[in-house]
C-alpha atoms as a PDB file:
ATOM      1  CA  MET A   1      -2.170  -0.872  23.642  1.00  0.00           C
ATOM      2  CA  ASP A   2      -5.720  -1.665  24.463  1.00  0.00           C
ATOM      3  CA  LYS A   3      -8.005  -3.199  21.930  1.00  0.00           C
ATOM      4  CA  TYR A   4     -10.055  -0.012  21.459  1.00  0.00           C
ATOM      5  CA  LYS A   5      -6.911   1.934  20.438  1.00  0.00           C
ATOM      6  CA  LEU A   6      -5.982  -0.894  18.134  1.00  0.00           C
ATOM      7  CA  LYS A   7      -9.475  -0.713  16.570  1.00  0.00           C
ATOM      8  CA  ARG A   8      -9.410   3.047  16.085  1.00  0.00           C
ATOM      9  CA  ILE A   9      -5.894   2.755  14.358  1.00  0.00           C
ATOM     10  CA  LEU A  10      -7.256   0.098  12.018  1.00  0.00           C
ATOM     11  CA  GLU A  11     -10.273   2.015  11.170  1.00  0.00           C
ATOM     12  CA  LYS A  12      -8.124   5.112  10.291  1.00  0.00           C
ATOM     13  CA  LEU A  13      -5.989   2.781   8.051  1.00  0.00           C
ATOM     14  CA  GLN A  14      -9.061   1.268   6.393  1.00  0.00           C
ATOM     15  CA  GLN A  15     -10.193   4.780   5.484  1.00  0.00           C
ATOM     16  CA  ILE A  16      -7.216   5.303   3.296  1.00  0.00           C
ATOM     17  CA  ASP A  17      -7.892   1.915   1.466  1.00  0.00           C
ATOM     18  CA  PRO A  18     -10.189  -0.802   2.640  1.00  0.00           C
ATOM     19  CA  ALA A  19      -8.214  -3.260   0.261  1.00  0.00           C
ATOM     20  CA  MET A  20      -4.686  -2.340   1.782  1.00  0.00           C
ATOM     21  CA  PRO A  21      -2.317  -5.220   1.402  1.00  0.00           C
ATOM     22  CA  LEU A  22      -0.829  -6.495   4.623  1.00  0.00           C
ATOM     23  CA  SER A  23       2.655  -5.958   3.368  1.00  0.00           C
ATOM     24  CA  ALA A  24       1.771  -2.411   2.750  1.00  0.00           C
ATOM     25  CA  LEU A  25       0.643  -1.909   6.303  1.00  0.00           C
ATOM     26  CA  GLN A  26       3.863  -3.700   7.753  1.00  0.00           C
ATOM     27  CA  ALA A  27       5.964  -1.433   5.528  1.00  0.00           C
ATOM     28  CA  PHE A  28       4.422   1.638   6.820  1.00  0.00           C
ATOM     29  CA  VAL A  29       4.818   0.670  10.429  1.00  0.00           C
ATOM     30  CA  TRP A  30       8.306  -0.445   9.976  1.00  0.00           C
ATOM     31  CA  VAL A  31       9.426   2.683   8.191  1.00  0.00           C
ATOM     32  CA  ALA A  32       7.854   4.923  11.004  1.00  0.00           C
ATOM     33  CA  MET A  33       9.871   2.931  13.468  1.00  0.00           C
ATOM     34  CA  ASN A  34      13.060   2.628  11.450  1.00  0.00           C
ATOM     35  CA  GLU A  35      13.394   5.824   9.498  1.00  0.00           C
ATOM     36  CA  GLY A  36      16.532   6.446   7.507  1.00  0.00           C
ATOM     37  CA  HIS A  37      17.178   2.801   7.149  1.00  0.00           C
ATOM     38  CA  HIS A  38      17.450   1.051   3.671  1.00  0.00           C
ATOM     39  CA  GLN A  39      14.657  -0.698   1.837  1.00  0.00           C
ATOM     40  CA  TYR A  40      16.821  -3.797   1.783  1.00  0.00           C
ATOM     41  CA  ASP A  41      16.528  -3.901   5.668  1.00  0.00           C
ATOM     42  CA  LEU A  42      12.703  -3.825   5.095  1.00  0.00           C
ATOM     43  CA  GLU A  43      13.152  -6.739   2.779  1.00  0.00           C
ATOM     44  CA  GLN A  44      14.945  -8.651   5.417  1.00  0.00           C
ATOM     45  CA  TYR A  45      12.524  -7.895   8.227  1.00  0.00           C
ATOM     46  CA  LEU A  46       9.603  -8.872   6.147  1.00  0.00           C
ATOM     47  CA  GLY A  47      11.301 -11.889   4.657  1.00  0.00           C
ATOM     48  CA  THR A  48      10.104 -10.902   1.233  1.00  0.00           C
ATOM     49  CA  THR A  49      11.528  -9.938  -2.220  1.00  0.00           C
ATOM     50  CA  ASN A  50      12.769  -6.583  -3.459  1.00  0.00           C
ATOM     51  CA  ALA A  51       9.738  -6.367  -5.728  1.00  0.00           C
ATOM     52  CA  THR A  52       7.360  -6.818  -2.818  1.00  0.00           C
ATOM     53  CA  ALA A  53       9.120  -4.314  -0.583  1.00  0.00           C
ATOM     54  CA  SER A  54       9.248  -1.826  -3.362  1.00  0.00           C
ATOM     55  CA  ARG A  55       5.546  -2.054  -4.090  1.00  0.00           C
ATOM     56  CA  SER A  56       4.772  -1.753  -0.444  1.00  0.00           C
ATOM     57  CA  ILE A  57       6.818   1.448  -0.224  1.00  0.00           C
ATOM     58  CA  GLN A  58       5.259   2.718  -3.543  1.00  0.00           C
ATOM     59  CA  TRP A  59       1.875   2.070  -2.045  1.00  0.00           C
ATOM     60  CA  TRP A  60       2.422   4.758   0.609  1.00  0.00           C
ATOM     61  CA  SER A  61       4.347   7.148  -1.615  1.00  0.00           C
ATOM     62  CA  ASP A  62       3.098   9.693  -4.071  1.00  0.00           C
ATOM     63  CA  TRP A  63       3.752   7.353  -6.896  1.00  0.00           C
ATOM     64  CA  LYS A  64       0.698   7.000  -9.373  1.00  0.00           C
ATOM     65  CA  SER A  65      -0.267   3.605 -10.313  1.00  0.00           C
ATOM     66  CA  PHE A  66      -0.232   2.915 -14.041  1.00  0.00           C
ATOM     67  CA  LYS A  67      -2.985   0.244 -13.664  1.00  0.00           C
ATOM     68  CA  ASP A  68      -5.690   2.399 -12.244  1.00  0.00           C
ATOM     69  CA  GLY A  69      -4.173   5.988 -12.156  1.00  0.00           C
ATOM     70  CA  LYS A  70      -4.541   6.087  -8.429  1.00  0.00           C
ATOM     71  CA  LYS A  71      -2.078   8.134  -6.380  1.00  0.00           C
ATOM     72  CA  GLY A  72      -0.601   6.947  -3.235  1.00  0.00           C
ATOM     73  CA  PRO A  73      -1.036   9.225   0.016  1.00  0.00           C
ATOM     74  CA  GLY A  74       2.613  10.593  -0.138  1.00  0.00           C
ATOM     75  CA  PHE A  75       3.391   9.228   3.394  1.00  0.00           C
ATOM     76  CA  ILE A  76       6.850   7.713   2.663  1.00  0.00           C
ATOM     77  CA  GLU A  77       9.743   8.800   0.388  1.00  0.00           C
ATOM     78  CA  SER A  78      12.408   6.647  -1.022  1.00  0.00           C
ATOM     79  CA  TYR A  79      15.685   7.940  -2.511  1.00  0.00           C
ATOM     80  CA  PRO A  80      19.127   6.617  -3.290  1.00  0.00           C
ATOM     81  CA  ASP A  81      21.550   6.372  -0.383  1.00  0.00           C
ATOM     82  CA  PRO A  82      24.282   9.271  -1.042  1.00  0.00           C
ATOM     83  CA  ALA A  83      26.813   6.983   0.374  1.00  0.00           C
ATOM     84  CA  ASP A  84      25.937   3.808  -1.586  1.00  0.00           C
ATOM     85  CA  LYS A  85      23.716   4.389  -4.843  1.00  0.00           C
ATOM     86  CA  ARG A  86      22.808   0.518  -4.873  1.00  0.00           C
ATOM     87  CA  TYR A  87      20.635   1.075  -1.643  1.00  0.00           C
ATOM     88  CA  ARG A  88      17.472   3.176  -1.216  1.00  0.00           C
ATOM     89  CA  VAL A  89      16.846   5.087   1.960  1.00  0.00           C
ATOM     90  CA  VAL A  90      13.163   5.118   3.273  1.00  0.00           C
ATOM     91  CA  ARG A  91      11.715   7.552   5.507  1.00  0.00           C
ATOM     92  CA  LEU A  92       8.273   9.315   6.243  1.00  0.00           C
ATOM     93  CA  THR A  93       7.400  12.513   4.742  1.00  0.00           C
ATOM     94  CA  LYS A  94       5.950  15.465   6.835  1.00  0.00           C
ATOM     95  CA  LYS A  95       2.478  14.247   6.025  1.00  0.00           C
ATOM     96  CA  GLY A  96       3.473  10.630   6.778  1.00  0.00           C
ATOM     97  CA  ARG A  97       4.891  11.653  10.213  1.00  0.00           C
ATOM     98  CA  ALA A  98       1.745  13.747  11.047  1.00  0.00           C
ATOM     99  CA  PHE A  99      -0.382  10.640  10.098  1.00  0.00           C
ATOM    100  CA  TRP A 100       1.926   8.336  12.359  1.00  0.00           C
ATOM    101  CA  GLU A 101       1.579  10.686  15.214  1.00  0.00           C
ATOM    102  CA  GLN A 102      -2.130  10.688  14.880  1.00  0.00           C
ATOM    103  CA  LEU A 103      -2.246   6.947  15.009  1.00  0.00           C
ATOM    104  CA  VAL A 104      -0.102   6.493  18.008  1.00  0.00           C
ATOM    105  CA  GLY A 105       0.045   9.931  19.552  1.00  0.00           C
ATOM    106  CA  GLU A 106      -2.244   9.063  22.300  1.00  0.00           C
ATOM    107  CA  ASP A 107       0.127   6.463  23.674  1.00  0.00           C
ATOM    108  CA  HIS A 108       2.861   9.044  23.865  1.00  0.00           C
ATOM    109  CA  ASP A 109       0.848  11.538  25.500  1.00  0.00           C
ATOM    110  CA  GLN A 110      -0.228   8.978  28.242  1.00  0.00           C
ATOM    111  CA  LYS A 111       3.427   7.950  28.817  1.00  0.00           C
ATOM    112  CA  ALA A 112       4.586  11.594  29.120  1.00  0.00           C
ATOM    113  CA  GLY A 113       1.863  12.415  31.566  1.00  0.00           C
END
């Protein structure tokens, strides 16, 4: 990926929220590349606590903050794993998938062509 592509991606992310925590950005990219995995796997990847991973996922969900009433963009969903309710499965929503494709789509097009 060239530096101009990376700059465009970062600018699009900044438009969502200029104060986006790094852990939230990492969570979005990880979920996009590991859909259907458990939130626990994200915790292990980031080397973080369950609370931090949960907040990072909530940041991208449609969850509404009690602190400022701000609602997330609805790009990630999280639900109990039907096979083991102790774990939560994380994946992109349709809206999140469209956003991810918008961010990285040009690279896919160039590889296909």
